[in-house]
Amino acid sequence: MFLHLGNDVSVLIRDVVAVLDMETATTMKDSREFLKMCDEEEFIVTVADGEMPKSVVVTEKEGRSAVYISPIAASTIKKRFIQIKEF
């Protein structure tokens, strides 16, 4: 099953490692350092495309990580995740 992250971007639900609120992620030291490292390593995929980023979705597939910056709130992504898991 796929999880929609915004702007026609979806990921396999089994690849999702974490969903973080953007505001919280940018105010906490550890998550800020994590995002900085991901940016330096070019793991970040911006889905927001001009929209205000609201969440960070961390994925891993076949040992490769990707970090998606999404315009969809973390709480909404969490609800979608739960609905798909219950399906």
C-alpha atoms as a PDB file:
ATOM      1  CA  MET A   1       0.000   0.000   0.000  1.00  0.00           C
ATOM      2  CA  PHE A   2       1.073   3.558  -0.660  1.00  0.00           C
ATOM      3  CA  LEU A   3       1.086   6.602   1.600  1.00  0.00           C
ATOM      4  CA  HIS A   4       0.440   9.938  -0.161  1.00  0.00           C
ATOM      5  CA  LEU A   5       2.815  12.722   0.937  1.00  0.00           C
ATOM      6  CA  GLY A   6       1.512  15.526  -1.293  1.00  0.00           C
ATOM      7  CA  ASN A   7       2.051  16.826  -4.838  1.00  0.00           C
ATOM      8  CA  ASP A   8       1.674  13.429  -6.505  1.00  0.00           C
ATOM      9  CA  VAL A   9       4.372  11.826  -4.329  1.00  0.00           C
ATOM     10  CA  SER A  10       3.669   8.543  -2.564  1.00  0.00           C
ATOM     11  CA  VAL A  11       5.850   6.022  -0.745  1.00  0.00           C
ATOM     12  CA  LEU A  12       5.336   2.410   0.165  1.00  0.00           C
ATOM     13  CA  ILE A  13       3.960   2.254   3.684  1.00  0.00           C
ATOM     14  CA  ARG A  14       6.397  -0.528   4.613  1.00  0.00           C
ATOM     15  CA  ASP A  15       9.319   1.822   3.835  1.00  0.00           C
ATOM     16  CA  VAL A  16       8.233   4.506   6.352  1.00  0.00           C
ATOM     17  CA  VAL A  17      10.532   4.687   9.372  1.00  0.00           C
ATOM     18  CA  ALA A  18       9.304   7.914  11.010  1.00  0.00           C
ATOM     19  CA  VAL A  19       6.934  10.842  10.592  1.00  0.00           C
ATOM     20  CA  LEU A  20       7.944  14.055  12.354  1.00  0.00           C
ATOM     21  CA  ASP A  21       6.253  17.397  12.807  1.00  0.00           C
ATOM     22  CA  MET A  22       8.370  20.002  10.979  1.00  0.00           C
ATOM     23  CA  GLU A  23       8.160  22.585  13.765  1.00  0.00           C
ATOM     24  CA  THR A  24       9.243  20.095  16.404  1.00  0.00           C
ATOM     25  CA  ALA A  25      11.941  18.637  14.144  1.00  0.00           C
ATOM     26  CA  THR A  26      13.513  22.038  13.541  1.00  0.00           C
ATOM     27  CA  THR A  27      13.462  23.145  17.179  1.00  0.00           C
ATOM     28  CA  MET A  28      15.053  20.032  18.699  1.00  0.00           C
ATOM     29  CA  LYS A  29      18.862  19.868  18.466  1.00  0.00           C
ATOM     30  CA  ASP A  30      19.142  16.170  17.536  1.00  0.00           C
ATOM     31  CA  SER A  31      16.547  16.324  14.781  1.00  0.00           C
ATOM     32  CA  ARG A  32      18.046  19.580  13.429  1.00  0.00           C
ATOM     33  CA  GLU A  33      21.436  17.867  13.219  1.00  0.00           C
ATOM     34  CA  PHE A  34      19.812  14.839  11.561  1.00  0.00           C
ATOM     35  CA  LEU A  35      18.153  17.040   8.927  1.00  0.00           C
ATOM     36  CA  LYS A  36      21.408  18.923   8.332  1.00  0.00           C
ATOM     37  CA  MET A  37      23.265  15.643   7.792  1.00  0.00           C
ATOM     38  CA  CYS A  38      20.527  14.405   5.440  1.00  0.00           C
ATOM     39  CA  ASP A  39      20.750  17.627   3.458  1.00  0.00           C
ATOM     40  CA  GLU A  40      24.540  17.329   3.176  1.00  0.00           C
ATOM     41  CA  GLU A  41      24.230  13.702   2.053  1.00  0.00           C
ATOM     42  CA  GLU A  42      21.452  14.677  -0.419  1.00  0.00           C
ATOM     43  CA  PHE A  43      18.840  12.373   1.135  1.00  0.00           C
ATOM     44  CA  ILE A  44      16.165  15.096   1.200  1.00  0.00           C
ATOM     45  CA  VAL A  45      13.306  15.152  -1.295  1.00  0.00           C
ATOM     46  CA  THR A  46      11.184  18.296  -1.120  1.00  0.00           C
ATOM     47  CA  VAL A  47       7.530  17.551  -1.795  1.00  0.00           C
ATOM     48  CA  ALA A  48       6.300  20.924  -0.510  1.00  0.00           C
ATOM     49  CA  ASP A  49       7.107  22.709  -3.828  1.00  0.00           C
ATOM     50  CA  GLY A  50       6.488  26.278  -2.699  1.00  0.00           C
ATOM     51  CA  GLU A  51       4.043  25.297   0.038  1.00  0.00           C
ATOM     52  CA  MET A  52       4.833  25.608   3.735  1.00  0.00           C
ATOM     53  CA  PRO A  53       6.542  22.370   4.865  1.00  0.00           C
ATOM     54  CA  LYS A  54       4.644  20.746   7.726  1.00  0.00           C
ATOM     55  CA  SER A  55       6.193  17.319   8.182  1.00  0.00           C
ATOM     56  CA  VAL A  56       9.277  15.196   7.684  1.00  0.00           C
ATOM     57  CA  VAL A  57       8.842  11.586   6.541  1.00  0.00           C
ATOM     58  CA  VAL A  58      11.863   9.314   6.867  1.00  0.00           C
ATOM     59  CA  THR A  59      11.943   6.210   4.678  1.00  0.00           C
ATOM     60  CA  GLU A  60      14.351   3.378   4.041  1.00  0.00           C
ATOM     61  CA  LYS A  61      14.246   1.005   1.103  1.00  0.00           C
ATOM     62  CA  GLU A  62      16.880  -1.611   0.395  1.00  0.00           C
ATOM     63  CA  GLY A  63      19.334   0.099   2.754  1.00  0.00           C
ATOM     64  CA  ARG A  64      18.885   3.542   1.164  1.00  0.00           C
ATOM     65  CA  SER A  65      17.351   6.375   3.115  1.00  0.00           C
ATOM     66  CA  ALA A  66      15.207   9.224   1.846  1.00  0.00           C
ATOM     67  CA  VAL A  67      13.778  12.105   3.838  1.00  0.00           C
ATOM     68  CA  TYR A  68      10.662  13.744   2.416  1.00  0.00           C
ATOM     69  CA  ILE A  69       9.686  17.297   3.356  1.00  0.00           C
ATOM     70  CA  SER A  70       5.898  17.333   2.986  1.00  0.00           C
ATOM     71  CA  PRO A  71       3.251  20.077   2.966  1.00  0.00           C
ATOM     72  CA  ILE A  72       0.860  17.685   4.739  1.00  0.00           C
ATOM     73  CA  ALA A  73       0.670  17.818   8.541  1.00  0.00           C
ATOM     74  CA  ALA A  74       2.266  14.944  10.447  1.00  0.00           C
ATOM     75  CA  SER A  75      -1.071  14.276  12.183  1.00  0.00           C
ATOM     76  CA  THR A  76      -2.793  13.860   8.805  1.00  0.00           C
ATOM     77  CA  ILE A  77      -0.082  11.510   7.562  1.00  0.00           C
ATOM     78  CA  LYS A  78      -0.424   9.519  10.787  1.00  0.00           C
ATOM     79  CA  LYS A  79      -4.202   9.210  10.251  1.00  0.00           C
ATOM     80  CA  ARG A  80      -3.642   8.004   6.674  1.00  0.00           C
ATOM     81  CA  PHE A  81      -1.054   5.525   7.909  1.00  0.00           C
ATOM     82  CA  ILE A  82      -3.477   4.097  10.478  1.00  0.00           C
ATOM     83  CA  GLN A  83      -6.316   3.890   7.949  1.00  0.00           C
ATOM     84  CA  ILE A  84      -4.121   1.999   5.508  1.00  0.00           C
ATOM     85  CA  LYS A  85      -2.867  -0.362   8.220  1.00  0.00           C
ATOM     86  CA  GLU A  86      -6.481  -1.101   9.241  1.00  0.00           C
ATOM     87  CA  PHE A  87      -7.464  -1.717   5.607  1.00  0.00           C
END
